[in-house]
Amino acid sequence: MVFLIWVWMAHSSVHKDRGELRIHENLVELGTDLAEYIAELSEASVKERGVFAIAISGGSLIGLMGKLCEAPYHKTVDWAKWYIFWADERVVGKTHADSNYKLAKDGLLSKVPVVPSHVNSINDSVSAEEAADDYEFHIRQLVKTRTINVSDNSDCPKFDLVLLGMGPDGHVASLFPNHPMLDEKSEWVTFITDSPKPPPERITFTLPVINSASNVAVVVTGESKAEAVHLAIDDVGPDYLSLPGRLVQPTKGKLVWFLDKPAASKLDGPQFSE
């Protein structure tokens, strides 16, 4: 059973619509819906542009994408047209247990017929700063060729989909609460060397890049993240406006939250409609 609820905050003078909420009974149903959502966006993007540029994060998100490896998606998705990026990455070797690339390769990419050269991982042999600069340069080249679209109202890349998780502290990608990188406006990709979660060195998309995407999906599961979901979505006043999850607000794109019931358990007065 899938519950859908739409939350509108158009009346807020600071925040616009917080997006579409898809609240699921369990992780199996969430994963099924997520796979269908990604497959539909892929089909639409390939039809319109000839490619599907998707940026993913790490954590439990990859496991929840697992249905894409199964029927019918294994054969119906046009994997050859996918270009895969990372919204954030740990600056470790590609075979390291902390690598988001390894997580995605083991859990998804090795099980579907993606084109290896379309998998755009970071340079893991240099410093975090150099890795961020290198990754941004690489993305800029692909924007020039329109493999990645360009934003209508800035020079930012316009990914077809940016797929994020959110931590119990409200962090998204590797943008953490109260971190100076939340204010970064000019860079597309930045780096941190003081992540509150190990490993400390990471690269991450900046908020302008995330918010320039055609579609942004935030996937959050578990009761431990319920408070962060509440603070990121509900009308909680000005004290929490700088929570990274709340700052995910596509300029012209669509925002969708995929939640299980425990993660949604602290939302204000949700009126579920079947």
Protein backbone atom coordinates (compact mmCIF):
# COMPACT_ATOMS: atom_id res chain seq x y z
CA MET A 1 0.00 0.00 0.00
CA VAL A 2 1.40 3.38 -1.01
CA PHE A 3 0.35 6.58 0.68
CA LEU A 4 0.72 9.85 -1.16
CA ILE A 5 0.50 13.27 0.44
CA TRP A 6 1.27 16.62 -1.05
CA VAL A 7 2.67 19.35 1.16
CA TRP A 8 2.48 22.93 -0.04
CA MET A 9 4.17 25.83 1.65
CA ALA A 10 3.61 28.43 -1.01
CA HIS A 11 2.41 30.86 1.65
CA SER A 12 5.86 31.01 3.25
CA SER A 13 7.76 34.12 2.44
CA VAL A 14 11.06 32.28 2.73
CA HIS A 15 10.40 28.76 1.48
CA LYS A 16 8.39 27.62 -1.45
CA ASP A 17 6.81 24.22 -1.92
CA ARG A 18 8.56 21.47 0.05
CA GLY A 19 7.68 19.02 -2.66
CA GLU A 20 5.81 15.76 -3.05
CA LEU A 21 5.88 13.27 -0.19
CA ARG A 22 5.65 9.58 -0.94
CA ILE A 23 5.23 7.71 2.33
CA HIS A 24 5.45 3.93 2.26
CA GLU A 25 4.47 1.12 4.58
CA ASN A 26 7.85 -0.63 4.28
CA LEU A 27 11.19 -0.60 2.50
CA VAL A 28 10.11 -3.11 -0.15
CA GLU A 29 7.31 -0.84 -1.31
CA LEU A 30 9.56 2.22 -1.12
CA GLY A 31 12.21 0.48 -3.25
CA THR A 32 9.60 -0.58 -5.79
CA ASP A 33 8.24 2.96 -6.10
CA LEU A 34 11.73 4.45 -6.26
CA ALA A 35 12.74 2.13 -9.10
CA GLU A 36 9.60 3.02 -11.06
CA TYR A 37 10.21 6.73 -10.47
CA ILE A 38 13.83 6.54 -11.68
CA ALA A 39 12.88 4.41 -14.69
CA GLU A 40 10.17 6.88 -15.73
CA LEU A 41 12.56 9.85 -15.46
CA SER A 42 15.19 7.93 -17.41
CA GLU A 43 12.73 7.14 -20.20
CA ALA A 44 11.52 10.74 -20.40
CA SER A 45 15.04 12.18 -20.40
CA VAL A 46 16.33 9.78 -23.06
CA LYS A 47 13.33 10.57 -25.21
CA GLU A 48 13.85 14.32 -24.81
CA ARG A 49 17.65 14.64 -24.73
CA GLY A 50 19.07 11.27 -25.73
CA VAL A 51 20.82 10.84 -22.38
CA PHE A 52 20.01 10.52 -18.67
CA ALA A 53 22.44 12.32 -16.36
CA ILE A 54 21.93 11.08 -12.80
CA ALA A 55 23.90 12.01 -9.68
CA ILE A 56 23.69 9.69 -6.69
CA SER A 57 24.87 9.68 -3.12
CA GLY A 58 25.84 6.77 -0.88
CA GLY A 59 24.59 5.09 2.25
CA SER A 60 21.44 2.99 2.28
CA LEU A 61 20.26 4.71 -0.91
CA ILE A 62 22.06 2.24 -3.18
CA GLY A 63 20.37 -0.73 -1.55
CA LEU A 64 16.99 0.90 -2.02
CA MET A 65 17.75 1.28 -5.75
CA GLY A 66 18.23 -2.46 -6.02
CA LYS A 67 14.92 -3.11 -7.78
CA LEU A 68 16.46 -1.52 -10.89
CA CYS A 69 18.61 -4.64 -11.23
CA GLU A 70 15.52 -6.81 -11.49
CA ALA A 71 12.79 -7.37 -14.06
CA PRO A 72 11.48 -5.47 -15.85
CA TYR A 73 13.99 -2.65 -15.38
CA HIS A 74 17.13 -4.64 -16.14
CA LYS A 75 15.95 -4.92 -19.75
CA THR A 76 13.55 -2.00 -20.20
CA VAL A 77 15.79 0.82 -18.93
CA ASP A 78 18.08 2.20 -21.64
CA TRP A 79 21.22 1.77 -19.56
CA ALA A 80 23.53 2.72 -22.44
CA LYS A 81 22.18 6.28 -22.25
CA TRP A 82 22.88 6.69 -18.52
CA TYR A 83 25.67 9.02 -17.38
CA ILE A 84 26.33 8.47 -13.68
CA PHE A 85 27.86 10.98 -11.26
CA TRP A 86 28.26 11.30 -7.51
CA ALA A 87 26.60 14.11 -5.59
CA ASP A 88 29.24 13.46 -2.96
CA GLU A 89 32.12 11.07 -2.52
CA ARG A 90 34.60 10.14 0.13
CA VAL A 91 38.20 10.79 -0.94
CA VAL A 92 39.36 7.21 -0.55
CA GLY A 93 40.43 4.51 -2.99
CA LYS A 94 37.79 2.97 -5.23
CA THR A 95 38.15 -0.38 -3.48
CA HIS A 96 37.89 1.14 0.02
CA ALA A 97 34.88 0.15 2.11
CA ASP A 98 33.94 3.84 2.53
CA SER A 99 33.85 4.55 -1.20
CA ASN A 100 30.44 5.53 -2.58
CA TYR A 101 31.71 4.38 -5.97
CA LYS A 102 32.39 0.88 -4.60
CA LEU A 103 29.00 0.83 -2.93
CA ALA A 104 27.26 1.75 -6.18
CA LYS A 105 29.37 -0.59 -8.29
CA ASP A 106 28.81 -3.58 -6.02
CA GLY A 107 25.14 -2.91 -5.40
CA LEU A 108 23.95 -1.64 -8.79
CA LEU A 109 26.36 -0.77 -11.58
CA SER A 110 27.95 -4.22 -11.90
CA LYS A 111 24.49 -5.76 -12.28
CA VAL A 112 23.18 -3.64 -15.14
CA PRO A 113 24.62 -2.94 -18.62
CA VAL A 114 25.88 0.58 -18.09
CA VAL A 115 28.68 1.85 -20.33
CA PRO A 116 31.86 1.91 -18.19
CA SER A 117 33.02 5.20 -19.69
CA HIS A 118 29.72 6.80 -18.66
CA VAL A 119 30.48 6.17 -14.98
CA ASN A 120 32.06 9.42 -13.82
CA SER A 121 33.93 8.72 -10.60
CA ILE A 122 36.33 11.11 -8.88
CA ASN A 123 40.11 11.07 -9.10
CA ASP A 124 40.97 9.30 -5.85
CA SER A 125 44.75 9.70 -6.19
CA VAL A 126 44.90 13.41 -5.31
CA SER A 127 43.94 15.65 -2.39
CA ALA A 128 40.31 16.45 -1.59
CA GLU A 129 40.74 19.97 -2.98
CA GLU A 130 42.28 18.71 -6.19
CA ALA A 131 39.65 15.99 -6.52
CA ALA A 132 36.87 18.59 -6.23
CA ASP A 133 38.52 20.87 -8.80
CA ASP A 134 39.09 17.95 -11.16
CA TYR A 135 35.50 16.75 -10.84
CA GLU A 136 34.09 20.22 -11.47
CA PHE A 137 36.30 20.61 -14.56
CA HIS A 138 35.09 17.24 -15.85
CA ILE A 139 31.45 18.22 -15.32
CA ARG A 140 32.02 21.54 -17.08
CA GLN A 141 33.26 19.70 -20.16
CA LEU A 142 30.12 17.57 -20.22
CA VAL A 143 27.94 20.66 -19.82
CA LYS A 144 29.62 22.14 -22.90
CA THR A 145 28.61 19.08 -24.94
CA ARG A 146 25.14 19.08 -23.30
CA THR A 147 25.64 15.56 -21.97
CA ILE A 148 24.56 17.40 -18.84
CA ASN A 149 22.02 20.11 -19.47
CA VAL A 150 22.57 23.68 -18.33
CA SER A 151 20.31 25.59 -15.99
CA ASP A 152 17.84 28.06 -17.48
CA ASN A 153 18.68 30.80 -14.99
CA SER A 154 22.36 30.25 -14.10
CA ASP A 155 25.45 28.61 -15.53
CA CYS A 156 25.01 25.60 -13.22
CA PRO A 157 24.69 22.07 -14.57
CA LYS A 158 21.12 20.84 -14.73
CA PHE A 159 21.21 17.15 -13.89
CA ASP A 160 18.17 15.15 -14.92
CA LEU A 161 18.06 13.67 -11.42
CA VAL A 162 19.98 14.25 -8.21
CA LEU A 163 19.27 11.43 -5.77
CA LEU A 164 20.08 12.11 -2.12
CA GLY A 165 19.78 10.57 1.29
CA MET A 166 19.56 12.53 4.52
CA GLY A 167 21.27 11.87 7.84
CA PRO A 168 19.80 12.11 11.35
CA ASP A 169 21.48 15.52 11.61
CA GLY A 170 19.76 16.72 8.44
CA HIS A 171 22.87 16.58 6.23
CA VAL A 172 22.50 15.88 2.51
CA ALA A 173 25.34 14.87 0.17
CA SER A 174 28.33 15.94 2.28
CA LEU A 175 26.78 19.27 3.27
CA PHE A 176 26.59 19.25 7.05
CA PRO A 177 24.72 21.55 9.46
CA ASN A 178 26.44 24.85 10.25
CA HIS A 179 29.28 24.11 7.82
CA PRO A 180 30.69 27.03 5.78
CA MET A 181 30.18 25.06 2.57
CA LEU A 182 26.43 25.61 2.87
CA ASP A 183 27.12 29.19 1.80
CA GLU A 184 29.22 28.30 -1.24
CA LYS A 185 27.68 29.97 -4.29
CA SER A 186 30.35 30.06 -7.00
CA GLU A 187 31.78 26.54 -7.00
CA TRP A 188 29.91 23.56 -8.45
CA VAL A 189 31.91 21.00 -6.52
CA THR A 190 33.61 21.73 -3.24
CA PHE A 191 35.55 19.74 -0.67
CA ILE A 192 35.70 19.27 3.06
CA THR A 193 38.48 17.90 5.22
CA ASP A 194 36.60 18.04 8.52
CA SER A 195 33.51 15.89 7.99
CA PRO A 196 31.77 15.17 11.31
CA LYS A 197 31.26 11.66 9.96
CA PRO A 198 34.31 9.63 8.94
CA PRO A 199 36.11 9.64 6.62
CA PRO A 200 36.90 13.35 7.03
CA GLU A 201 37.90 14.15 3.43
CA ARG A 202 35.06 14.37 0.91
CA ILE A 203 33.94 16.16 -2.20
CA THR A 204 30.36 17.32 -2.61
CA PHE A 205 28.05 19.12 -4.97
CA THR A 206 27.14 22.56 -3.69
CA LEU A 207 23.57 23.65 -3.05
CA PRO A 208 23.32 25.70 -6.28
CA VAL A 209 24.09 22.55 -8.31
CA ILE A 210 21.65 20.39 -6.35
CA ASN A 211 18.93 23.01 -6.65
CA SER A 212 19.50 23.48 -10.39
CA ALA A 213 18.53 19.87 -11.16
CA SER A 214 15.40 19.04 -13.14
CA ASN A 215 14.47 16.56 -10.43
CA VAL A 216 15.71 16.06 -6.89
CA ALA A 217 14.67 13.08 -4.79
CA VAL A 218 15.52 12.70 -1.11
CA VAL A 219 15.20 9.16 0.22
CA VAL A 220 14.96 8.84 4.01
CA THR A 221 14.16 5.77 6.08
CA GLY A 222 14.10 4.85 9.74
CA GLU A 223 12.85 6.36 12.98
CA SER A 224 16.28 7.79 13.79
CA LYS A 225 15.77 10.32 10.99
CA ALA A 226 12.18 11.26 11.85
CA GLU A 227 13.15 14.47 13.64
CA ALA A 228 15.34 15.57 10.73
CA VAL A 229 12.47 14.87 8.32
CA HIS A 230 10.16 16.98 10.49
CA LEU A 231 12.63 19.87 10.57
CA ALA A 232 13.33 19.65 6.84
CA ILE A 233 9.69 19.56 5.71
CA ASP A 234 7.31 20.99 8.30
CA ASP A 235 6.77 24.69 8.95
CA VAL A 236 9.07 24.87 11.98
CA GLY A 237 9.98 28.55 11.95
CA PRO A 238 13.20 30.43 11.24
CA ASP A 239 15.51 28.56 13.63
CA TYR A 240 15.86 25.62 11.26
CA LEU A 241 15.96 27.38 7.91
CA SER A 242 19.67 26.53 7.51
CA LEU A 243 19.23 22.78 7.99
CA PRO A 244 20.84 21.28 4.87
CA GLY A 245 17.83 19.09 4.11
CA ARG A 246 15.61 22.14 4.24
CA LEU A 247 17.89 24.00 1.86
CA VAL A 248 17.20 21.43 -0.84
CA GLN A 249 14.76 23.50 -2.85
CA PRO A 250 14.98 23.12 -6.62
CA THR A 251 14.77 26.48 -8.38
CA LYS A 252 12.66 25.21 -11.26
CA GLY A 253 12.80 21.46 -10.82
CA LYS A 254 10.63 18.99 -8.94
CA LEU A 255 11.35 17.79 -5.40
CA VAL A 256 10.14 14.40 -4.20
CA TRP A 257 10.63 12.85 -0.76
CA PHE A 258 10.59 9.06 -0.48
CA LEU A 259 9.91 8.15 3.15
CA ASP A 260 8.99 5.05 5.09
CA LYS A 261 6.44 5.41 7.88
CA PRO A 262 9.03 5.53 10.72
CA ALA A 263 10.90 8.38 8.99
CA ALA A 264 7.60 10.22 8.47
CA SER A 265 6.35 9.59 12.01
CA LYS A 266 7.05 13.09 13.33
CA LEU A 267 5.57 15.08 10.46
CA ASP A 268 2.96 17.57 11.61
CA GLY A 269 -0.59 16.26 11.23
CA PRO A 270 -0.14 14.28 8.03
CA GLN A 271 -3.48 13.38 6.53
CA PHE A 272 -2.67 10.24 4.59
CA SER A 273 -4.86 9.54 1.61
CA GLU A 274 -4.73 6.15 0.03
